[in-house]
Amino acid sequence: MKLLLTSGGVTNPSIHTALVQLLNKPLAQCHALVVPTAQWGHPMCGPASVHDLLAAVPDSRYLSGLGWASLGVLELTALPTIGAERWVPWLREADVLLVDGGDATYLCHWMRESGLADLLPSLPDTVWVGVSAGSMVMTPRVGEYFVEWPSAPDDRTLGVVDFSIFPHLNAFPTNTPAHADRWAADLGGPAYAIDEQTAIKVVDGSVEVVSEGEWKKFG
């Protein structure tokens, strides 16, 4: 799977160019599935924020509103009840998964419960566009600082990549560079702090930072 790990979505021309390169064709020819699941695990998210992800509101232009050939919803919490014979073909027909933010540990739980996590290695040409928790779920740990789901056993996530991500740098009063420094020190491993104008592109283990904003590497 090819990864485009963002904080705020496809927010500038550089990130947009990186996405087109990963897809190897125009977005208007690509079929996308939106994964809103992480939102249900975060106390600041809910029906209104899920609606905004899918509706024609200004922020949707950075993810679901990019002009896809088709756009569908893949809700991971439903998948165990409908059978893989139904949803796996939906997944294999998609060019890109648009995985929104929320709580990364909750998203990780449902990726495993649904079987999606096990399928990732069989999707080498599919592009994963993560936003916030949708990016963090691919890392080994998110840090206790970002765990909001009360049932999370710890801060561990999938570990598809070998670095952690501190998103929304300078977007909130609690996401300053000083907060990122303390977060990284507690993790003790490779990590990046990225703002809304930054993405991390990962293809076959090769990592490239794509940015028109501010970011910092730790470790």
N, C-alpha and C. Protein backbone atom coordinates (compact mmCIF):
# COMPACT_ATOMS: atom_id res chain seq x y z
N MET A 1 0.84 -1.19 0.00
CA MET A 1 0.00 0.00 0.00
C MET A 1 0.88 1.24 0.00
N LYS A 2 0.46 2.24 -0.76
CA LYS A 2 1.16 3.52 -0.80
C LYS A 2 0.48 4.47 0.19
N LEU A 3 1.29 5.21 0.96
CA LEU A 3 0.74 6.02 2.03
C LEU A 3 1.00 7.50 1.80
N LEU A 4 -0.03 8.31 2.04
CA LEU A 4 0.11 9.75 2.10
C LEU A 4 -0.48 10.17 3.45
N LEU A 5 0.41 10.40 4.41
CA LEU A 5 0.02 10.62 5.80
C LEU A 5 0.01 12.12 6.08
N THR A 6 -1.16 12.68 6.28
CA THR A 6 -1.30 14.12 6.44
C THR A 6 -1.86 14.46 7.81
N SER A 7 -1.78 15.73 8.12
CA SER A 7 -2.42 16.27 9.32
C SER A 7 -3.81 16.78 9.01
N GLY A 8 -3.93 17.52 7.90
CA GLY A 8 -5.20 18.17 7.58
C GLY A 8 -5.78 17.84 6.23
N GLY A 9 -5.19 16.88 5.53
CA GLY A 9 -5.68 16.52 4.21
C GLY A 9 -4.82 17.07 3.09
N VAL A 10 -5.40 17.12 1.91
CA VAL A 10 -4.69 17.57 0.71
C VAL A 10 -4.90 19.08 0.61
N THR A 11 -4.08 19.82 1.33
CA THR A 11 -4.33 21.24 1.60
C THR A 11 -3.56 22.20 0.71
N ASN A 12 -2.64 21.69 -0.12
CA ASN A 12 -1.86 22.60 -0.96
C ASN A 12 -1.40 21.89 -2.23
N PRO A 13 -0.88 22.64 -3.19
CA PRO A 13 -0.49 22.03 -4.47
C PRO A 13 0.58 20.96 -4.35
N SER A 14 1.50 21.09 -3.42
CA SER A 14 2.57 20.10 -3.28
C SER A 14 2.01 18.75 -2.84
N ILE A 15 1.10 18.77 -1.88
CA ILE A 15 0.49 17.52 -1.42
C ILE A 15 -0.41 16.95 -2.51
N HIS A 16 -1.11 17.82 -3.22
CA HIS A 16 -1.96 17.36 -4.33
C HIS A 16 -1.11 16.67 -5.40
N THR A 17 0.01 17.25 -5.74
CA THR A 17 0.91 16.64 -6.73
C THR A 17 1.40 15.28 -6.26
N ALA A 18 1.76 15.18 -4.98
CA ALA A 18 2.20 13.90 -4.42
C ALA A 18 1.11 12.85 -4.53
N LEU A 19 -0.14 13.23 -4.28
CA LEU A 19 -1.25 12.29 -4.38
C LEU A 19 -1.44 11.81 -5.81
N VAL A 20 -1.39 12.71 -6.77
CA VAL A 20 -1.54 12.33 -8.17
C VAL A 20 -0.41 11.39 -8.58
N GLN A 21 0.80 11.65 -8.09
CA GLN A 21 1.92 10.76 -8.40
C GLN A 21 1.69 9.36 -7.84
N LEU A 22 1.15 9.28 -6.63
CA LEU A 22 0.89 7.97 -6.03
C LEU A 22 -0.19 7.22 -6.80
N LEU A 23 -1.23 7.93 -7.23
CA LEU A 23 -2.33 7.29 -7.95
C LEU A 23 -1.95 6.98 -9.40
N ASN A 24 -1.02 7.76 -9.95
CA ASN A 24 -0.54 7.60 -11.32
C ASN A 24 -1.65 7.84 -12.35
N LYS A 25 -2.63 8.64 -11.98
CA LYS A 25 -3.66 9.08 -12.92
C LYS A 25 -4.43 10.22 -12.26
N PRO A 26 -5.19 10.98 -13.03
CA PRO A 26 -5.93 12.10 -12.45
C PRO A 26 -6.94 11.65 -11.40
N LEU A 27 -7.17 12.50 -10.42
CA LEU A 27 -8.14 12.18 -9.37
C LEU A 27 -9.52 11.94 -9.95
N ALA A 28 -9.86 12.64 -11.02
CA ALA A 28 -11.18 12.50 -11.63
C ALA A 28 -11.40 11.13 -12.24
N GLN A 29 -10.35 10.32 -12.34
CA GLN A 29 -10.48 8.96 -12.85
C GLN A 29 -10.39 7.91 -11.74
N CYS A 30 -10.32 8.36 -10.50
CA CYS A 30 -10.08 7.46 -9.37
C CYS A 30 -11.34 7.27 -8.52
N HIS A 31 -11.49 6.04 -8.03
CA HIS A 31 -12.62 5.69 -7.19
C HIS A 31 -12.16 5.65 -5.72
N ALA A 32 -12.87 6.39 -4.89
CA ALA A 32 -12.44 6.59 -3.51
C ALA A 32 -13.46 6.03 -2.52
N LEU A 33 -12.96 5.53 -1.40
CA LEU A 33 -13.79 5.15 -0.26
C LEU A 33 -13.35 5.97 0.94
N VAL A 34 -14.32 6.58 1.62
CA VAL A 34 -14.06 7.34 2.84
C VAL A 34 -14.25 6.43 4.04
N VAL A 35 -13.30 6.48 4.97
CA VAL A 35 -13.40 5.72 6.22
C VAL A 35 -13.55 6.72 7.37
N PRO A 36 -14.76 6.89 7.92
CA PRO A 36 -14.98 7.87 8.99
C PRO A 36 -14.84 7.30 10.39
N THR A 37 -14.49 6.03 10.51
CA THR A 37 -14.63 5.28 11.76
C THR A 37 -13.93 5.92 12.95
N ALA A 38 -12.74 6.49 12.76
CA ALA A 38 -11.98 7.04 13.89
C ALA A 38 -12.76 8.11 14.65
N GLN A 39 -13.68 8.80 13.96
CA GLN A 39 -14.42 9.87 14.61
C GLN A 39 -15.27 9.37 15.77
N TRP A 40 -15.80 8.16 15.66
CA TRP A 40 -16.68 7.67 16.72
C TRP A 40 -15.93 7.44 18.03
N GLY A 41 -14.62 7.31 17.98
CA GLY A 41 -13.84 7.06 19.19
C GLY A 41 -13.34 8.30 19.89
N HIS A 42 -13.63 9.49 19.34
CA HIS A 42 -13.10 10.73 19.92
C HIS A 42 -14.25 11.58 20.49
N PRO A 43 -14.11 12.08 21.72
CA PRO A 43 -15.22 12.82 22.35
C PRO A 43 -15.58 14.13 21.66
N MET A 44 -14.69 14.67 20.83
CA MET A 44 -14.98 15.93 20.14
C MET A 44 -15.63 15.72 18.78
N CYS A 45 -15.83 14.44 18.39
CA CYS A 45 -16.42 14.13 17.08
C CYS A 45 -17.79 13.49 17.27
N GLY A 46 -18.54 13.43 16.20
CA GLY A 46 -19.88 12.85 16.26
C GLY A 46 -20.61 13.01 14.95
N PRO A 47 -21.95 12.89 14.96
CA PRO A 47 -22.71 12.95 13.71
C PRO A 47 -22.46 14.19 12.88
N ALA A 48 -22.31 15.35 13.52
CA ALA A 48 -22.11 16.58 12.75
C ALA A 48 -20.77 16.57 12.03
N SER A 49 -19.71 16.11 12.71
CA SER A 49 -18.40 16.10 12.08
C SER A 49 -18.31 15.06 10.98
N VAL A 50 -18.99 13.92 11.15
CA VAL A 50 -19.03 12.92 10.09
C VAL A 50 -19.79 13.48 8.88
N HIS A 51 -20.87 14.19 9.15
CA HIS A 51 -21.62 14.83 8.06
C HIS A 51 -20.73 15.80 7.29
N ASP A 52 -19.96 16.59 8.02
CA ASP A 52 -19.10 17.58 7.37
C ASP A 52 -18.03 16.92 6.52
N LEU A 53 -17.58 15.73 6.93
CA LEU A 53 -16.59 15.00 6.14
C LEU A 53 -17.14 14.64 4.78
N LEU A 54 -18.41 14.31 4.71
CA LEU A 54 -18.99 13.78 3.48
C LEU A 54 -19.78 14.81 2.69
N ALA A 55 -20.20 15.89 3.35
CA ALA A 55 -21.05 16.87 2.68
C ALA A 55 -20.22 17.92 1.95
N ALA A 56 -20.91 18.74 1.19
CA ALA A 56 -20.25 19.79 0.43
C ALA A 56 -20.04 21.02 1.30
N VAL A 57 -19.20 20.88 2.32
CA VAL A 57 -18.84 22.00 3.18
C VAL A 57 -17.39 22.36 2.90
N PRO A 58 -16.95 23.56 3.29
CA PRO A 58 -15.60 24.01 2.88
C PRO A 58 -14.47 23.03 3.21
N ASP A 59 -14.45 22.44 4.41
CA ASP A 59 -13.32 21.58 4.77
C ASP A 59 -13.28 20.28 3.97
N SER A 60 -14.41 19.86 3.41
CA SER A 60 -14.41 18.60 2.66
C SER A 60 -13.57 18.68 1.40
N ARG A 61 -13.24 19.89 0.97
CA ARG A 61 -12.47 20.04 -0.27
C ARG A 61 -11.06 19.47 -0.12
N TYR A 62 -10.62 19.25 1.11
CA TYR A 62 -9.27 18.73 1.34
C TYR A 62 -9.21 17.20 1.32
N LEU A 63 -10.36 16.54 1.21
CA LEU A 63 -10.35 15.08 1.26
C LEU A 63 -11.44 14.50 0.37
N SER A 64 -12.67 14.50 0.82
CA SER A 64 -13.74 13.89 0.05
C SER A 64 -14.16 14.74 -1.14
N GLY A 65 -13.90 16.03 -1.08
CA GLY A 65 -14.34 16.93 -2.14
C GLY A 65 -13.29 17.27 -3.16
N LEU A 66 -12.37 16.35 -3.42
CA LEU A 66 -11.27 16.61 -4.34
C LEU A 66 -11.62 16.33 -5.80
N GLY A 67 -12.85 15.89 -6.06
CA GLY A 67 -13.24 15.64 -7.45
C GLY A 67 -13.02 14.22 -7.91
N TRP A 68 -13.36 13.25 -7.07
CA TRP A 68 -13.17 11.83 -7.41
C TRP A 68 -14.18 11.37 -8.44
N ALA A 69 -13.83 10.31 -9.18
CA ALA A 69 -14.77 9.72 -10.13
C ALA A 69 -15.98 9.16 -9.41
N SER A 70 -15.75 8.56 -8.24
CA SER A 70 -16.84 8.10 -7.38
C SER A 70 -16.36 8.16 -5.95
N LEU A 71 -17.32 8.27 -5.04
CA LEU A 71 -17.01 8.40 -3.61
C LEU A 71 -18.01 7.57 -2.82
N GLY A 72 -17.49 6.63 -2.04
CA GLY A 72 -18.34 5.82 -1.19
C GLY A 72 -17.84 5.84 0.24
N VAL A 73 -18.60 5.21 1.13
CA VAL A 73 -18.25 5.16 2.56
C VAL A 73 -17.97 3.72 2.96
N LEU A 74 -16.87 3.51 3.64
CA LEU A 74 -16.53 2.21 4.21
C LEU A 74 -16.49 2.37 5.73
N GLU A 75 -17.57 1.98 6.40
CA GLU A 75 -17.65 2.10 7.85
C GLU A 75 -17.19 0.78 8.48
N LEU A 76 -16.03 0.81 9.12
CA LEU A 76 -15.40 -0.42 9.59
C LEU A 76 -16.20 -1.14 10.66
N THR A 77 -16.94 -0.41 11.48
CA THR A 77 -17.69 -1.07 12.56
C THR A 77 -18.79 -1.98 12.00
N ALA A 78 -19.23 -1.73 10.77
CA ALA A 78 -20.29 -2.55 10.16
C ALA A 78 -19.75 -3.81 9.50
N LEU A 79 -18.48 -3.81 9.14
CA LEU A 79 -17.97 -4.88 8.28
C LEU A 79 -18.07 -6.27 8.89
N PRO A 80 -17.80 -6.46 10.20
CA PRO A 80 -17.87 -7.83 10.74
C PRO A 80 -19.27 -8.45 10.64
N THR A 81 -20.29 -7.63 10.47
CA THR A 81 -21.66 -8.16 10.46
C THR A 81 -22.19 -8.44 9.07
N ILE A 82 -21.46 -8.06 8.02
CA ILE A 82 -22.00 -8.24 6.67
C ILE A 82 -21.24 -9.26 5.84
N GLY A 83 -20.06 -9.68 6.30
CA GLY A 83 -19.33 -10.71 5.58
C GLY A 83 -18.33 -10.16 4.59
N ALA A 84 -17.14 -10.75 4.60
CA ALA A 84 -16.06 -10.27 3.74
C ALA A 84 -16.39 -10.40 2.26
N GLU A 85 -17.26 -11.35 1.90
CA GLU A 85 -17.59 -11.52 0.48
C GLU A 85 -18.28 -10.28 -0.08
N ARG A 86 -18.85 -9.45 0.77
CA ARG A 86 -19.48 -8.22 0.30
C ARG A 86 -18.48 -7.07 0.24
N TRP A 87 -17.75 -6.85 1.34
CA TRP A 87 -16.97 -5.62 1.40
C TRP A 87 -15.57 -5.71 0.83
N VAL A 88 -14.98 -6.88 0.78
CA VAL A 88 -13.63 -6.99 0.21
C VAL A 88 -13.60 -6.58 -1.26
N PRO A 89 -14.59 -6.97 -2.07
CA PRO A 89 -14.60 -6.47 -3.45
C PRO A 89 -14.71 -4.94 -3.53
N TRP A 90 -15.46 -4.31 -2.64
CA TRP A 90 -15.52 -2.84 -2.62
C TRP A 90 -14.12 -2.26 -2.43
N LEU A 91 -13.41 -2.89 -1.49
CA LEU A 91 -12.06 -2.42 -1.17
C LEU A 91 -11.11 -2.59 -2.36
N ARG A 92 -11.16 -3.74 -2.98
CA ARG A 92 -10.24 -4.02 -4.08
C ARG A 92 -10.54 -3.19 -5.32
N GLU A 93 -11.76 -2.73 -5.46
CA GLU A 93 -12.13 -1.90 -6.61
C GLU A 93 -11.75 -0.43 -6.41
N ALA A 94 -11.42 -0.05 -5.18
CA ALA A 94 -11.10 1.35 -4.89
C ALA A 94 -9.65 1.65 -5.24
N ASP A 95 -9.41 2.85 -5.75
CA ASP A 95 -8.06 3.32 -5.99
C ASP A 95 -7.44 3.93 -4.73
N VAL A 96 -8.29 4.49 -3.88
CA VAL A 96 -7.79 5.24 -2.74
C VAL A 96 -8.74 5.12 -1.55
N LEU A 97 -8.17 5.00 -0.36
CA LEU A 97 -8.93 5.06 0.89
C LEU A 97 -8.63 6.39 1.55
N LEU A 98 -9.67 7.13 1.88
CA LEU A 98 -9.56 8.43 2.53
C LEU A 98 -9.95 8.24 3.99
N VAL A 99 -8.95 8.21 4.87
CA VAL A 99 -9.17 7.77 6.25
C VAL A 99 -9.09 8.98 7.17
N ASP A 100 -10.23 9.35 7.72
CA ASP A 100 -10.33 10.59 8.47
C ASP A 100 -9.84 10.42 9.91
N GLY A 101 -9.77 11.57 10.59
CA GLY A 101 -9.25 11.61 11.95
C GLY A 101 -10.28 11.28 13.01
N GLY A 102 -9.82 11.38 14.25
CA GLY A 102 -10.61 11.01 15.42
C GLY A 102 -9.66 10.43 16.45
N ASP A 103 -9.91 9.22 16.89
CA ASP A 103 -8.99 8.54 17.80
C ASP A 103 -8.31 7.38 17.09
N ALA A 104 -7.00 7.39 17.07
CA ALA A 104 -6.24 6.39 16.32
C ALA A 104 -6.34 5.01 16.95
N THR A 105 -6.44 4.93 18.27
CA THR A 105 -6.54 3.61 18.91
C THR A 105 -7.88 2.95 18.60
N TYR A 106 -8.94 3.75 18.53
CA TYR A 106 -10.26 3.23 18.17
C TYR A 106 -10.24 2.74 16.72
N LEU A 107 -9.65 3.55 15.84
CA LEU A 107 -9.52 3.14 14.44
C LEU A 107 -8.70 1.87 14.32
N CYS A 108 -7.61 1.78 15.05
CA CYS A 108 -6.77 0.58 15.03
C CYS A 108 -7.57 -0.65 15.46
N HIS A 109 -8.35 -0.51 16.53
CA HIS A 109 -9.18 -1.62 17.01
C HIS A 109 -10.10 -2.13 15.91
N TRP A 110 -10.77 -1.21 15.22
CA TRP A 110 -11.74 -1.64 14.22
C TRP A 110 -11.08 -2.06 12.92
N MET A 111 -9.89 -1.59 12.65
CA MET A 111 -9.17 -2.13 11.50
C MET A 111 -8.83 -3.60 11.72
N ARG A 112 -8.50 -3.93 12.95
CA ARG A 112 -8.19 -5.33 13.27
C ARG A 112 -9.47 -6.17 13.34
N GLU A 113 -10.49 -5.66 14.02
CA GLU A 113 -11.74 -6.40 14.17
C GLU A 113 -12.42 -6.66 12.83
N SER A 114 -12.34 -5.70 11.93
CA SER A 114 -13.00 -5.84 10.64
C SER A 114 -12.24 -6.74 9.68
N GLY A 115 -10.95 -6.89 9.90
CA GLY A 115 -10.11 -7.64 8.98
C GLY A 115 -9.37 -6.76 7.99
N LEU A 116 -9.63 -5.46 8.01
CA LEU A 116 -8.95 -4.56 7.07
C LEU A 116 -7.44 -4.56 7.28
N ALA A 117 -7.00 -4.57 8.52
CA ALA A 117 -5.56 -4.55 8.80
C ALA A 117 -4.85 -5.73 8.15
N ASP A 118 -5.47 -6.90 8.19
CA ASP A 118 -4.86 -8.09 7.60
C ASP A 118 -4.78 -8.01 6.07
N LEU A 119 -5.67 -7.22 5.48
CA LEU A 119 -5.71 -7.14 4.01
C LEU A 119 -4.72 -6.14 3.43
N LEU A 120 -4.19 -5.25 4.24
CA LEU A 120 -3.34 -4.19 3.72
C LEU A 120 -2.18 -4.70 2.88
N PRO A 121 -1.47 -5.76 3.28
CA PRO A 121 -0.34 -6.22 2.45
C PRO A 121 -0.76 -6.70 1.06
N SER A 122 -2.04 -7.03 0.89
CA SER A 122 -2.50 -7.52 -0.42
C SER A 122 -3.00 -6.40 -1.32
N LEU A 123 -2.76 -5.13 -0.92
CA LEU A 123 -3.24 -3.98 -1.68
C LEU A 123 -2.06 -3.07 -2.05
N PRO A 124 -1.08 -3.58 -2.80
CA PRO A 124 0.13 -2.79 -3.05
C PRO A 124 -0.09 -1.53 -3.87
N ASP A 125 -1.14 -1.49 -4.68
CA ASP A 125 -1.36 -0.34 -5.55
C ASP A 125 -2.38 0.65 -4.99
N THR A 126 -3.04 0.29 -3.90
CA THR A 126 -4.04 1.17 -3.30
C THR A 126 -3.34 2.29 -2.52
N VAL A 127 -3.89 3.49 -2.61
CA VAL A 127 -3.32 4.64 -1.90
C VAL A 127 -4.14 4.90 -0.65
N TRP A 128 -3.44 5.04 0.46
CA TRP A 128 -4.05 5.37 1.75
C TRP A 128 -3.76 6.84 2.04
N VAL A 129 -4.79 7.67 2.08
CA VAL A 129 -4.64 9.06 2.45
C VAL A 129 -5.19 9.23 3.86
N GLY A 130 -4.31 9.44 4.81
CA GLY A 130 -4.73 9.60 6.20
C GLY A 130 -4.80 11.06 6.58
N VAL A 131 -5.76 11.38 7.43
CA VAL A 131 -5.86 12.70 8.06
C VAL A 131 -5.78 12.51 9.56
N SER A 132 -4.80 13.11 10.19
CA SER A 132 -4.67 13.06 11.65
C SER A 132 -4.63 11.60 12.14
N ALA A 133 -5.65 11.16 12.88
CA ALA A 133 -5.66 9.77 13.37
C ALA A 133 -5.61 8.76 12.23
N GLY A 134 -6.14 9.14 11.07
CA GLY A 134 -6.06 8.26 9.91
C GLY A 134 -4.64 8.06 9.42
N SER A 135 -3.75 8.98 9.78
CA SER A 135 -2.31 8.81 9.53
C SER A 135 -1.63 8.12 10.71
N MET A 136 -1.98 8.55 11.91
CA MET A 136 -1.33 8.04 13.12
C MET A 136 -1.54 6.55 13.31
N VAL A 137 -2.65 6.01 12.81
CA VAL A 137 -2.93 4.58 12.99
C VAL A 137 -1.89 3.71 12.32
N MET A 138 -1.20 4.24 11.33
CA MET A 138 -0.17 3.47 10.63
C MET A 138 1.16 3.43 11.38
N THR A 139 1.27 4.16 12.46
CA THR A 139 2.52 4.25 13.22
C THR A 139 2.57 3.20 14.34
N PRO A 140 3.72 3.02 14.97
CA PRO A 140 3.79 2.03 16.05
C PRO A 140 3.07 2.48 17.33
N ARG A 141 3.19 3.78 17.65
CA ARG A 141 2.58 4.34 18.86
C ARG A 141 2.13 5.77 18.58
N VAL A 142 1.08 6.19 19.28
CA VAL A 142 0.62 7.58 19.13
C VAL A 142 0.98 8.42 20.35
N GLY A 143 1.40 7.78 21.44
CA GLY A 143 1.68 8.50 22.67
C GLY A 143 0.40 8.68 23.48
N GLU A 144 0.52 8.59 24.80
CA GLU A 144 -0.66 8.74 25.66
C GLU A 144 -1.34 10.09 25.46
N TYR A 145 -0.59 11.06 25.02
CA TYR A 145 -1.10 12.41 24.78
C TYR A 145 -2.28 12.43 23.82
N PHE A 146 -2.32 11.45 22.90
CA PHE A 146 -3.35 11.44 21.86
C PHE A 146 -4.38 10.32 22.03
N VAL A 147 -4.40 9.66 23.15
CA VAL A 147 -5.38 8.60 23.38
C VAL A 147 -6.61 9.20 24.05
N GLU A 148 -7.73 9.20 23.35
CA GLU A 148 -9.00 9.74 23.87
C GLU A 148 -10.05 8.66 24.08
N TRP A 149 -9.87 7.50 23.47
CA TRP A 149 -10.86 6.42 23.60
C TRP A 149 -10.69 5.74 24.95
N PRO A 150 -11.69 5.75 25.82
CA PRO A 150 -11.53 5.20 27.17
C PRO A 150 -11.19 3.72 27.21
N SER A 151 -11.57 2.98 26.18
CA SER A 151 -11.32 1.53 26.18
C SER A 151 -9.99 1.14 25.56
N ALA A 152 -9.20 2.11 25.16
CA ALA A 152 -7.89 1.78 24.56
C ALA A 152 -7.00 1.08 25.58
N PRO A 153 -6.43 -0.07 25.25
CA PRO A 153 -5.55 -0.76 26.20
C PRO A 153 -4.23 -0.04 26.41
N ASP A 154 -3.76 0.67 25.40
CA ASP A 154 -2.51 1.43 25.47
C ASP A 154 -2.46 2.33 24.25
N ASP A 155 -1.30 2.87 23.94
CA ASP A 155 -1.20 3.81 22.82
C ASP A 155 -0.64 3.18 21.55
N ARG A 156 -0.57 1.85 21.51
CA ARG A 156 0.00 1.18 20.35
C ARG A 156 -1.00 1.13 19.19
N THR A 157 -0.45 1.26 17.97
CA THR A 157 -1.26 1.17 16.76
C THR A 157 -0.62 0.16 15.81
N LEU A 158 -0.83 0.26 14.51
CA LEU A 158 -0.53 -0.84 13.60
C LEU A 158 0.95 -1.06 13.33
N GLY A 159 1.75 -0.01 13.34
CA GLY A 159 3.18 -0.18 13.08
C GLY A 159 3.51 -0.49 11.64
N VAL A 160 2.70 -0.02 10.71
CA VAL A 160 3.02 -0.21 9.29
C VAL A 160 4.27 0.59 8.91
N VAL A 161 4.42 1.76 9.50
CA VAL A 161 5.66 2.54 9.37
C VAL A 161 6.39 2.51 10.69
N ASP A 162 7.66 2.94 10.71
CA ASP A 162 8.46 2.81 11.92
C ASP A 162 8.63 4.14 12.67
N PHE A 163 7.79 5.12 12.35
CA PHE A 163 7.87 6.41 13.02
C PHE A 163 6.48 6.82 13.51
N SER A 164 6.45 7.71 14.50
CA SER A 164 5.19 8.23 15.02
C SER A 164 4.93 9.63 14.46
N ILE A 165 3.69 10.10 14.62
CA ILE A 165 3.28 11.39 14.06
C ILE A 165 2.55 12.22 15.10
N PHE A 166 3.00 13.46 15.25
CA PHE A 166 2.32 14.48 16.05
C PHE A 166 1.64 15.42 15.06
N PRO A 167 0.30 15.36 14.91
CA PRO A 167 -0.37 16.18 13.90
C PRO A 167 -0.77 17.56 14.41
N HIS A 168 -1.27 18.37 13.51
CA HIS A 168 -1.87 19.68 13.84
C HIS A 168 -0.90 20.60 14.57
N LEU A 169 0.37 20.55 14.17
CA LEU A 169 1.36 21.42 14.80
C LEU A 169 0.95 22.88 14.65
N ASN A 170 0.86 23.57 15.78
CA ASN A 170 0.49 24.99 15.85
C ASN A 170 -0.95 25.28 15.43
N ALA A 171 -1.76 24.24 15.24
CA ALA A 171 -3.17 24.47 14.88
C ALA A 171 -4.03 24.70 16.11
N PHE A 172 -3.58 24.21 17.27
CA PHE A 172 -4.33 24.34 18.52
C PHE A 172 -3.38 24.78 19.62
N PRO A 173 -3.90 25.40 20.68
CA PRO A 173 -3.03 25.81 21.80
C PRO A 173 -2.31 24.65 22.47
N THR A 174 -2.85 23.43 22.33
CA THR A 174 -2.23 22.25 22.95
C THR A 174 -1.33 21.48 21.98
N ASN A 175 -1.07 22.07 20.81
CA ASN A 175 -0.23 21.38 19.82
C ASN A 175 0.92 22.28 19.37
N THR A 176 1.60 22.86 20.32
CA THR A 176 2.73 23.74 20.04
C THR A 176 4.01 22.91 19.86
N PRO A 177 5.07 23.52 19.33
CA PRO A 177 6.34 22.80 19.26
C PRO A 177 6.82 22.29 20.62
N ALA A 178 6.55 23.03 21.68
CA ALA A 178 6.96 22.57 23.02
C ALA A 178 6.20 21.29 23.41
N HIS A 179 4.91 21.25 23.09
CA HIS A 179 4.14 20.02 23.34
C HIS A 179 4.71 18.86 22.52
N ALA A 180 5.06 19.14 21.28
CA ALA A 180 5.61 18.09 20.42
C ALA A 180 6.94 17.58 20.96
N ASP A 181 7.77 18.46 21.48
CA ASP A 181 9.05 18.05 22.05
C ASP A 181 8.85 17.09 23.22
N ARG A 182 7.91 17.43 24.11
CA ARG A 182 7.65 16.57 25.27
C ARG A 182 7.06 15.23 24.84
N TRP A 183 6.15 15.27 23.87
CA TRP A 183 5.55 14.04 23.34
C TRP A 183 6.62 13.13 22.75
N ALA A 184 7.52 13.68 21.95
CA ALA A 184 8.56 12.88 21.31
C ALA A 184 9.52 12.30 22.35
N ALA A 185 9.83 13.07 23.38
CA ALA A 185 10.73 12.58 24.43
C ALA A 185 10.13 11.38 25.15
N ASP A 186 8.82 11.40 25.36
CA ASP A 186 8.16 10.28 26.02
C ASP A 186 8.13 9.03 25.15
N LEU A 187 8.05 9.22 23.82
CA LEU A 187 8.01 8.07 22.92
C LEU A 187 9.36 7.40 22.80
N GLY A 188 10.40 8.19 22.69
CA GLY A 188 11.75 7.63 22.60
C GLY A 188 12.06 6.92 21.31
N GLY A 189 11.36 7.26 20.22
CA GLY A 189 11.62 6.64 18.93
C GLY A 189 11.50 7.65 17.82
N PRO A 190 11.72 7.24 16.58
CA PRO A 190 11.61 8.19 15.46
C PRO A 190 10.21 8.77 15.38
N ALA A 191 10.12 10.05 15.04
CA ALA A 191 8.82 10.71 15.00
C ALA A 191 8.90 11.99 14.18
N TYR A 192 7.75 12.44 13.74
CA TYR A 192 7.61 13.71 13.03
C TYR A 192 6.48 14.51 13.67
N ALA A 193 6.68 15.81 13.80
CA ALA A 193 5.59 16.75 14.07
C ALA A 193 5.29 17.46 12.76
N ILE A 194 4.01 17.48 12.36
CA ILE A 194 3.65 18.06 11.08
C ILE A 194 2.45 19.00 11.22
N ASP A 195 2.45 20.06 10.44
CA ASP A 195 1.33 20.99 10.47
C ASP A 195 0.34 20.66 9.34
N GLU A 196 -0.66 21.54 9.17
CA GLU A 196 -1.73 21.26 8.22
C GLU A 196 -1.27 21.35 6.76
N GLN A 197 -0.10 21.89 6.53
CA GLN A 197 0.42 22.04 5.17
C GLN A 197 1.51 21.01 4.85
N THR A 198 1.56 19.94 5.64
CA THR A 198 2.63 18.95 5.51
C THR A 198 2.04 17.54 5.39
N ALA A 199 2.70 16.71 4.62
CA ALA A 199 2.35 15.30 4.49
C ALA A 199 3.63 14.46 4.48
N ILE A 200 3.49 13.19 4.78
CA ILE A 200 4.60 12.25 4.70
C ILE A 200 4.20 11.16 3.71
N LYS A 201 4.98 11.05 2.64
CA LYS A 201 4.72 10.06 1.59
C LYS A 201 5.60 8.85 1.84
N VAL A 202 4.99 7.66 1.83
CA VAL A 202 5.74 6.42 2.08
C VAL A 202 5.41 5.44 0.97
N VAL A 203 6.44 5.01 0.24
CA VAL A 203 6.29 4.02 -0.83
C VAL A 203 7.43 3.02 -0.71
N ASP A 204 7.08 1.76 -0.52
CA ASP A 204 8.09 0.69 -0.42
C ASP A 204 9.17 1.02 0.61
N GLY A 205 8.76 1.58 1.72
CA GLY A 205 9.69 1.89 2.81
C GLY A 205 10.43 3.19 2.66
N SER A 206 10.31 3.85 1.52
CA SER A 206 10.97 5.13 1.29
C SER A 206 10.08 6.25 1.82
N VAL A 207 10.65 7.12 2.66
CA VAL A 207 9.88 8.17 3.33
C VAL A 207 10.29 9.53 2.78
N GLU A 208 9.29 10.33 2.40
CA GLU A 208 9.54 11.68 1.88
C GLU A 208 8.57 12.65 2.52
N VAL A 209 9.08 13.74 3.08
CA VAL A 209 8.23 14.79 3.63
C VAL A 209 7.88 15.76 2.51
N VAL A 210 6.58 16.03 2.36
CA VAL A 210 6.07 16.96 1.36
C VAL A 210 5.43 18.11 2.12
N SER A 211 5.99 19.32 1.98
CA SER A 211 5.52 20.39 2.86
C SER A 211 5.59 21.76 2.21
N GLU A 212 4.57 22.55 2.50
CA GLU A 212 4.60 23.98 2.26
C GLU A 212 4.42 24.72 3.59
N GLY A 213 4.71 24.01 4.67
CA GLY A 213 4.50 24.57 6.00
C GLY A 213 5.64 24.26 6.94
N GLU A 214 5.30 23.80 8.15
CA GLU A 214 6.28 23.59 9.22
C GLU A 214 6.25 22.13 9.66
N TRP A 215 7.41 21.57 9.87
CA TRP A 215 7.50 20.21 10.39
C TRP A 215 8.84 20.03 11.08
N LYS A 216 8.90 18.98 11.87
CA LYS A 216 10.14 18.68 12.60
C LYS A 216 10.28 17.16 12.75
N LYS A 217 11.50 16.69 12.57
CA LYS A 217 11.80 15.28 12.76
C LYS A 217 12.51 15.09 14.09
N PHE A 218 12.13 14.01 14.80
CA PHE A 218 12.73 13.66 16.08
C PHE A 218 13.41 12.29 15.96
N GLY A 219 14.53 12.14 16.63
CA GLY A 219 15.14 10.83 16.76
C GLY A 219 15.98 10.40 15.57
